[in-house]
Protein backbone atom coordinates (compact mmCIF):
# COMPACT_ATOMS: atom_id res chain seq x y z
CA MET A 1 -0.03 0.06 0.06
CA ALA A 2 2.82 2.08 -0.68
CA LYS A 3 1.95 5.67 -1.81
CA GLY A 4 2.31 4.51 -5.58
CA LEU A 5 0.17 1.48 -5.16
CA ALA A 6 -2.62 3.72 -3.54
CA PHE A 7 -2.47 6.01 -6.38
CA VAL A 8 -2.66 3.62 -9.11
CA ALA A 9 -5.33 1.80 -7.57
CA LEU A 10 -7.13 4.72 -7.21
CA SER A 11 -6.60 5.32 -10.95
CA LEU A 12 -7.57 2.19 -11.88
CA ILE A 13 -10.75 2.30 -9.89
CA ILE A 14 -12.15 5.22 -11.82
CA GLY A 15 -11.35 3.89 -14.95
CA VAL A 16 -13.32 0.68 -13.78
CA LEU A 17 -16.13 2.18 -12.66
CA GLN A 18 -15.98 4.39 -15.93
CA SER A 19 -15.76 0.83 -18.61
CA ALA A 20 -17.72 -0.99 -16.22
CA ASN A 21 -20.93 -2.98 -17.77
CA ALA A 22 -21.59 -5.65 -14.95
CA GLU A 23 -24.24 -4.61 -13.03
CA VAL A 24 -24.50 -5.81 -9.93
CA PRO A 25 -28.13 -6.19 -8.50
CA ALA A 26 -27.28 -6.23 -4.52
CA ILE A 27 -24.45 -6.77 -2.43
CA PHE A 28 -24.72 -9.05 0.46
CA ILE A 29 -21.95 -8.74 3.67
CA LEU A 30 -21.19 -11.76 5.96
CA GLY A 31 -18.08 -11.72 8.63
CA ASP A 32 -16.94 -9.53 11.42
CA SER A 33 -16.52 -5.97 13.08
CA THR A 34 -14.12 -5.00 9.95
CA VAL A 35 -17.14 -5.40 8.21
CA ASP A 36 -20.12 -4.53 10.52
CA VAL A 37 -22.38 -1.72 10.69
CA GLY A 38 -24.05 -1.98 13.69
CA THR A 39 -25.85 -5.64 14.23
CA ASN A 40 -24.61 -5.78 17.65
CA ASN A 41 -26.65 -2.17 18.00
CA TYR A 42 -29.66 -4.79 18.51
CA LEU A 43 -28.84 -7.32 20.76
CA PRO A 44 -29.53 -6.38 23.99
CA ASP A 45 -26.70 -8.02 25.80
CA SER A 46 -23.99 -7.59 23.54
CA ASN A 47 -20.68 -6.25 24.70
CA ILE A 48 -19.01 -5.74 21.80
CA THR A 49 -20.32 -2.59 20.50
CA ALA A 50 -18.90 0.35 18.64
CA ASN A 51 -22.26 3.37 18.67
CA PHE A 52 -21.04 5.58 21.28
CA PRO A 53 -18.05 7.98 20.65
CA HIS A 54 -15.29 8.49 19.57
CA ASN A 55 -16.50 5.84 16.94
CA GLY A 56 -18.26 7.73 13.69
CA VAL A 57 -16.57 11.16 14.45
CA ASP A 58 -15.50 11.32 10.93
CA PHE A 59 -18.75 9.98 9.39
CA PRO A 60 -21.67 12.01 8.39
CA PHE A 61 -23.03 13.89 11.05
CA GLN A 62 -20.12 12.53 13.63
CA ARG A 63 -23.03 9.68 14.48
CA ALA A 64 -21.87 6.66 15.71
CA THR A 65 -23.00 4.15 14.22
CA GLY A 66 -21.78 0.82 15.12
CA ARG A 67 -19.13 0.88 13.28
CA PHE A 68 -15.58 0.47 14.43
CA SER A 69 -14.30 2.93 12.84
CA ASN A 70 -13.86 6.73 12.89
CA GLY A 71 -16.16 6.86 9.87
CA LEU A 72 -16.40 4.08 7.09
CA ASN A 73 -15.56 0.71 7.05
CA THR A 74 -14.02 -2.06 4.18
CA ALA A 75 -17.73 -2.88 3.07
CA ASP A 76 -18.87 0.85 2.42
CA PHE A 77 -16.14 1.36 0.37
CA LEU A 78 -16.54 -1.41 -1.45
CA ALA A 79 -20.61 -0.55 -1.72
CA LYS A 80 -19.02 2.61 -2.70
CA PHE A 81 -16.69 1.48 -5.98
CA PHE A 82 -19.61 -0.44 -6.84
CA GLY A 83 -22.37 2.07 -6.87
CA PHE A 84 -23.86 1.77 -4.05
CA LYS A 85 -24.20 5.05 -1.40
CA ARG A 86 -22.15 2.48 1.63
CA SER A 87 -22.96 -0.53 2.81
CA PRO A 88 -26.08 -2.50 2.75
CA VAL A 89 -28.07 -2.00 6.07
CA SER A 90 -27.76 -4.71 8.92
CA PHE A 91 -30.29 -7.67 8.54
CA LEU A 92 -30.97 -6.92 12.45
CA SER A 93 -32.20 -3.33 12.05
CA LEU A 94 -34.87 -4.21 9.52
CA ASN A 95 -36.94 -6.19 12.39
CA GLY A 96 -37.90 -9.05 10.01
CA THR A 97 -39.26 -6.79 7.15
CA LEU A 98 -36.94 -6.93 4.27
CA ALA A 99 -38.81 -4.37 1.41
CA ILE A 100 -37.99 -7.01 -0.81
CA LYS A 101 -41.26 -5.97 -2.96
CA LYS A 102 -39.32 -2.53 -3.46
CA ARG A 103 -37.56 -1.98 -6.77
CA ARG A 104 -34.57 -1.34 -5.48
CA PHE A 105 -33.47 -3.97 -3.17
CA ARG A 106 -29.69 -3.63 -2.68
CA GLY A 107 -28.85 -6.25 -0.16
CA VAL A 108 -28.16 -6.99 3.25
CA ASN A 109 -25.43 -7.06 5.91
CA PHE A 110 -25.00 -9.44 8.32
CA ALA A 111 -21.67 -8.55 9.56
CA SER A 112 -21.34 -9.30 13.80
CA ALA A 113 -18.54 -7.98 15.67
CA GLY A 114 -16.99 -10.35 17.70
CA SER A 115 -18.01 -13.38 15.66
CA GLY A 116 -16.07 -16.20 13.88
CA LEU A 117 -16.75 -19.28 12.05
CA LEU A 118 -16.73 -21.50 14.93
CA ASP A 119 -20.16 -20.85 17.05
CA ILE A 120 -18.08 -20.50 20.11
CA THR A 121 -15.97 -17.04 18.89
CA GLY A 122 -17.10 -14.41 20.70
CA GLN A 123 -18.86 -16.11 23.76
CA THR A 124 -17.28 -17.78 27.07
CA SER A 125 -19.35 -19.54 29.63
CA THR A 126 -18.40 -16.45 31.65
CA GLN A 127 -19.29 -13.66 29.42
CA LYS A 128 -21.89 -13.69 26.96
CA ALA A 129 -20.80 -11.60 24.24
CA ASN A 130 -23.98 -12.22 22.19
CA VAL A 131 -22.72 -11.88 19.01
CA VAL A 132 -24.33 -13.64 15.52
CA PRO A 133 -21.87 -16.34 14.73
CA MET A 134 -21.28 -17.10 10.54
CA GLY A 135 -23.91 -19.79 11.05
CA GLU A 136 -26.41 -17.85 12.31
CA GLN A 137 -25.60 -14.99 9.66
CA VAL A 138 -25.57 -17.97 6.80
CA TYR A 139 -29.28 -18.77 8.29
CA GLN A 140 -30.44 -14.71 7.83
CA PHE A 141 -29.34 -15.35 4.53
CA SER A 142 -31.06 -18.24 4.02
CA MET A 143 -34.80 -16.08 5.01
CA VAL A 144 -33.65 -13.62 2.80
CA TYR A 145 -33.54 -15.85 0.04
CA ASN A 146 -36.93 -17.08 0.94
CA ASP A 147 -38.67 -13.81 1.00
CA LEU A 148 -37.34 -13.51 -2.70
CA VAL A 149 -38.93 -16.52 -4.09
CA ALA A 150 -41.87 -15.57 -2.12
CA SER A 151 -41.44 -12.35 -4.18
CA LYS A 152 -39.91 -13.25 -7.21
CA GLY A 153 -40.40 -16.57 -7.86
CA THR A 154 -37.75 -19.25 -7.72
CA SER A 155 -36.02 -18.65 -10.81
CA GLU A 156 -36.02 -14.99 -10.56
CA ALA A 157 -34.53 -14.71 -7.26
CA GLN A 158 -31.50 -17.03 -8.36
CA ASN A 159 -31.08 -15.33 -11.32
CA PHE A 160 -30.78 -11.99 -9.08
CA LEU A 161 -28.54 -13.76 -6.56
CA SER A 162 -26.37 -15.06 -9.71
CA LYS A 163 -25.52 -11.67 -10.11
CA SER A 164 -25.36 -10.12 -7.13
CA LEU A 165 -21.52 -10.38 -4.62
CA ILE A 166 -21.41 -12.04 -1.63
CA PHE A 167 -18.53 -10.21 0.57
CA ILE A 168 -16.83 -12.42 3.77
CA SER A 169 -14.52 -11.40 6.22
CA VAL A 170 -14.17 -13.58 9.23
CA GLY A 171 -11.30 -16.21 10.78
CA SER A 172 -9.64 -12.96 12.76
CA ASN A 173 -11.31 -13.53 16.04
CA ASP A 174 -11.38 -17.32 15.75
CA ILE A 175 -7.48 -17.57 15.77
CA VAL A 176 -7.74 -14.89 18.32
CA GLY A 177 -9.74 -16.45 20.52
CA ASN A 178 -8.24 -19.54 20.03
CA HIS A 179 -4.44 -18.51 20.87
CA TYR A 180 -5.71 -17.38 24.11
CA SER A 181 -7.68 -20.29 25.13
CA LYS A 182 -6.72 -22.24 28.01
CA ASN A 183 -5.76 -24.94 26.04
CA PRO A 184 -4.94 -23.75 22.13
CA ILE A 185 -5.24 -26.37 19.67
CA PRO A 186 -2.18 -26.26 17.55
CA LYS A 187 -2.14 -24.64 14.15
CA GLU A 188 -1.23 -27.41 12.27
CA GLN A 189 -4.52 -29.17 13.59
CA PHE A 190 -7.24 -25.69 14.51
CA ILE A 191 -6.32 -23.92 10.56
CA PRO A 192 -7.83 -27.06 8.92
CA ASN A 193 -10.48 -27.36 11.39
CA LEU A 194 -11.81 -24.24 10.61
CA ALA A 195 -11.75 -24.58 6.86
CA VAL A 196 -13.89 -27.69 7.29
CA VAL A 197 -16.00 -25.19 8.88
CA TYR A 198 -16.07 -22.39 6.34
CA GLU A 199 -16.71 -24.66 3.39
CA LYS A 200 -20.14 -25.89 5.06
CA HIS A 201 -20.79 -22.83 5.50
CA LEU A 202 -19.89 -21.62 2.11
CA ARG A 203 -22.12 -24.75 0.96
CA ASN A 204 -24.83 -23.93 2.41
CA LEU A 205 -24.98 -20.48 1.07
CA ILE A 206 -24.37 -22.18 -2.38
CA SER A 207 -27.66 -24.27 -1.76
CA VAL A 208 -29.93 -21.25 -1.54
CA GLY A 209 -28.40 -19.09 -4.32
CA ALA A 210 -24.76 -17.91 -3.75
CA ARG A 211 -22.64 -17.77 -6.51
CA LYS A 212 -19.96 -14.90 -6.72
CA PHE A 213 -17.81 -14.88 -3.35
CA GLY A 214 -15.52 -12.04 -2.14
CA ILE A 215 -13.28 -13.85 0.34
CA ILE A 216 -10.75 -11.36 2.57
CA SER A 217 -8.80 -13.30 4.22
CA VAL A 218 -7.03 -12.74 7.72
CA PRO A 219 -4.85 -9.38 7.88
CA PRO A 220 -1.62 -9.77 10.28
CA VAL A 221 -3.96 -9.43 13.72
CA GLY A 222 -0.58 -10.20 15.28
CA CYS A 223 0.50 -6.76 14.91
CA CYS A 224 -2.91 -5.00 16.02
CA PRO A 225 -2.04 -2.72 19.01
CA SER A 226 -3.81 -5.00 21.00
CA GLN A 227 -1.18 -7.92 20.30
CA ARG A 228 2.15 -5.60 20.21
CA VAL A 229 1.01 -5.17 24.16
CA SER A 230 1.92 -8.55 24.71
CA ALA A 231 5.33 -9.18 22.26
CA ASN A 232 7.01 -6.27 23.57
CA GLY A 233 5.46 -3.27 21.10
CA GLU A 234 6.51 -5.53 18.30
CA CYS A 235 4.12 -7.76 15.76
CA LEU A 236 3.31 -11.52 17.56
CA LYS A 237 4.42 -13.84 15.37
CA GLU A 238 2.92 -16.90 16.52
CA LEU A 239 -0.50 -14.85 14.66
CA ASN A 240 0.79 -13.83 11.80
CA ASP A 241 1.82 -17.44 11.00
CA GLN A 242 -1.90 -18.31 11.61
CA ALA A 243 -2.83 -15.38 9.20
CA GLU A 244 -0.69 -16.64 6.83
CA ALA A 245 -1.75 -20.28 6.65
CA PHE A 246 -5.58 -19.17 6.85
CA PHE A 247 -4.80 -17.76 3.53
CA SER A 248 -2.88 -20.91 2.07
CA THR A 249 -5.81 -23.12 3.19
CA MET A 250 -8.67 -21.12 2.05
CA ASP A 251 -6.56 -20.70 -1.49
CA THR A 252 -6.88 -24.74 -1.79
CA LEU A 253 -10.79 -24.44 -0.31
CA MET A 254 -11.69 -22.03 -2.77
CA ARG A 255 -9.78 -23.75 -5.45
CA ASN A 256 -11.26 -27.06 -4.77
CA LEU A 257 -15.35 -25.71 -4.24
CA SER A 258 -14.94 -23.99 -7.76
CA TYR A 259 -13.97 -26.61 -9.12
CA GLU A 260 -16.82 -29.13 -7.85
CA ASN A 261 -18.64 -26.27 -8.88
CA LYS A 262 -18.56 -24.83 -12.50
CA ASP A 263 -20.82 -22.06 -11.64
CA ILE A 264 -19.13 -20.58 -8.82
CA LYS A 265 -16.82 -17.35 -9.31
CA TYR A 266 -14.79 -16.00 -6.18
CA SER A 267 -11.70 -13.94 -5.59
CA LEU A 268 -10.09 -14.44 -2.79
CA GLU A 269 -8.27 -11.68 -1.36
CA ASN A 270 -4.81 -11.37 0.51
CA THR A 271 -5.22 -8.64 2.78
CA PHE A 272 -2.10 -10.07 4.56
CA ASN A 273 0.50 -8.86 1.62
CA ILE A 274 -1.48 -5.83 2.05
CA THR A 275 -1.22 -4.72 5.29
CA LYS A 276 1.82 -6.35 6.02
CA PRO A 277 4.24 -4.74 3.72
CA VAL A 278 2.77 -1.10 5.01
CA ILE A 279 3.71 -2.02 8.55
CA ASP A 280 6.60 -3.15 7.92
CA ASN A 281 7.68 -0.23 6.01
CA PRO A 282 5.60 2.76 6.54
CA GLN A 283 7.93 5.65 4.86
CA ASN A 284 6.87 4.05 1.70
CA SER A 285 3.03 4.93 2.82
CA SER A 286 1.11 7.17 3.16
CA PHE A 287 0.50 6.50 7.01
CA THR A 288 2.90 7.51 9.71
CA ASP A 289 1.33 5.73 12.61
CA VAL A 290 1.29 2.40 12.22
CA LYS A 291 1.69 0.86 15.37
CA ASN A 292 -0.23 2.60 18.00
CA ALA A 293 -4.04 3.51 18.01
CA CYS A 294 -5.66 6.86 17.00
CA CYS A 295 -8.19 6.28 19.84
CA GLY A 296 -6.76 5.45 22.90
CA ASN A 297 -3.36 5.14 21.95
CA GLY A 298 -2.80 1.21 21.93
CA THR A 299 -3.03 0.10 25.37
CA LEU A 300 -6.29 1.40 26.33
CA HIS A 301 -10.29 0.35 24.49
CA CYS A 302 -11.52 3.45 22.63
CA THR A 303 -14.04 5.46 24.61
CA PRO A 304 -15.64 8.36 24.73
CA PHE A 305 -13.25 9.54 27.04
CA ALA A 306 -10.30 8.00 25.87
CA SER A 307 -7.47 10.11 24.12
CA LEU A 308 -8.28 10.91 20.49
CA CYS A 309 -5.71 11.89 17.88
CA SER A 310 -5.89 14.74 15.23
CA ASN A 311 -4.33 13.58 12.27
CA ARG A 312 -6.69 10.61 11.92
CA HIS A 313 -6.13 9.67 7.87
CA LYS A 314 -2.00 9.09 9.00
CA TYR A 315 -2.73 5.98 10.80
CA LEU A 316 -3.32 2.59 10.41
CA PHE A 317 -5.17 1.93 13.31
CA TRP A 318 -8.54 3.44 14.75
CA ASP A 319 -8.41 1.30 18.03
CA LEU A 320 -7.00 -1.68 19.27
CA PHE A 321 -8.25 -4.16 16.55
CA HIS A 322 -9.77 -2.39 13.75
CA PRO A 323 -8.34 0.09 10.84
CA THR A 324 -9.18 3.42 10.20
CA GLN A 325 -11.01 5.00 7.43
CA ALA A 326 -8.17 5.67 6.00
CA ALA A 327 -6.19 2.71 5.82
CA SER A 328 -10.10 0.51 5.27
CA ARG A 329 -10.06 2.89 2.30
CA LEU A 330 -6.80 2.03 0.66
CA ALA A 331 -7.69 -1.58 1.20
CA ALA A 332 -10.88 -1.63 -0.30
CA SER A 333 -8.92 0.07 -3.23
CA ILE A 334 -6.79 -3.01 -3.55
CA LEU A 335 -9.35 -5.48 -2.97
CA PHE A 336 -10.98 -3.87 -5.44
CA VAL A 337 -8.59 -3.91 -8.45
CA GLY A 338 -5.72 -5.47 -7.03
CA ASP A 339 -3.20 -8.12 -8.89
CA SER A 340 -1.98 -11.32 -8.32
CA ARG A 341 -0.15 -10.05 -5.36
CA PHE A 342 -3.36 -9.06 -3.66
CA ALA A 343 -6.04 -11.53 -4.97
CA THR A 344 -6.69 -14.44 -6.71
CA PRO A 345 -7.69 -15.84 -9.12
CA ILE A 346 -8.97 -12.53 -9.73
CA ASN A 347 -9.99 -9.28 -7.97
CA PHE A 348 -13.38 -7.95 -6.67
CA SER A 349 -14.21 -5.63 -10.03
CA GLN A 350 -13.19 -8.87 -12.53
CA LEU A 351 -15.71 -10.72 -10.03
CA ALA A 352 -18.81 -8.49 -10.68
CA GLU A 353 -18.14 -9.30 -14.63
CA ALA A 354 -17.09 -12.74 -14.00
């Protein structure tokens, strides 16, 4: 994400948007806090929320919407690149009324902060976080499918979904949760286990019409400010090793799944390769601080009383775990037009055309 790469990426996006012919009728987003737009606001017992300042300080009207960001997140920017105003609204915010019969139904965001591939992720026996795990998000997607069928008929509903994009950003919480558990499962066993669960979720999505998948892999989570605290200010290598192993495993999984299902198209994005060079060589990027959190300064959680940096566009991290709006914008731009270093076998803009 060096300056040159950022300029090229943004220039390419303009060209892609000007020449794009593919219509994306809807976007559906599943995953964790990196793409959550306020799901957990609707979970009364959840303790993983961001619906308070300083979150949203750069969002329109400085609204704290539930995004773990000073403004927009990756889901918002990806949606904007496809012609949407921002990410579709949270499924839970619709209160069971999808309004699919309306002429411009454009999708739903199911993502829930703290969630993971495993049902247990985000919840413990002593403190129930009350998140929406991937299994439940997939079930919610099936409810949307049923409503589409009821509204449009089976054939039209399936055609609608076959052209729609399914973005998934999940896995980080599973990896971090396992690492800090009382009896962590070794990487050689845990990562393949995650892939088995991921495959089950993907097959369930495929069974109800999903055909185009934008898979966002796990970034270098060992370099988050929260992890540097326990590594004397350095990146936690074990977590980063697991993130890299997760991408390799997902690469094999998606190749096999698409070989078996010929009508499946996918783009697997390597967010590790997008982010790690910036962290290793910040002088080549637009960021001046790649270690500390803008809100809370790297050791404290982001609260209304936490310290807040003034030059937010120069920070890679917003809080202990999440990127700033500037980092999300740049990451999304690389996801959209990235080359083979960052996307396989195609990027997100090509996925729309596939």
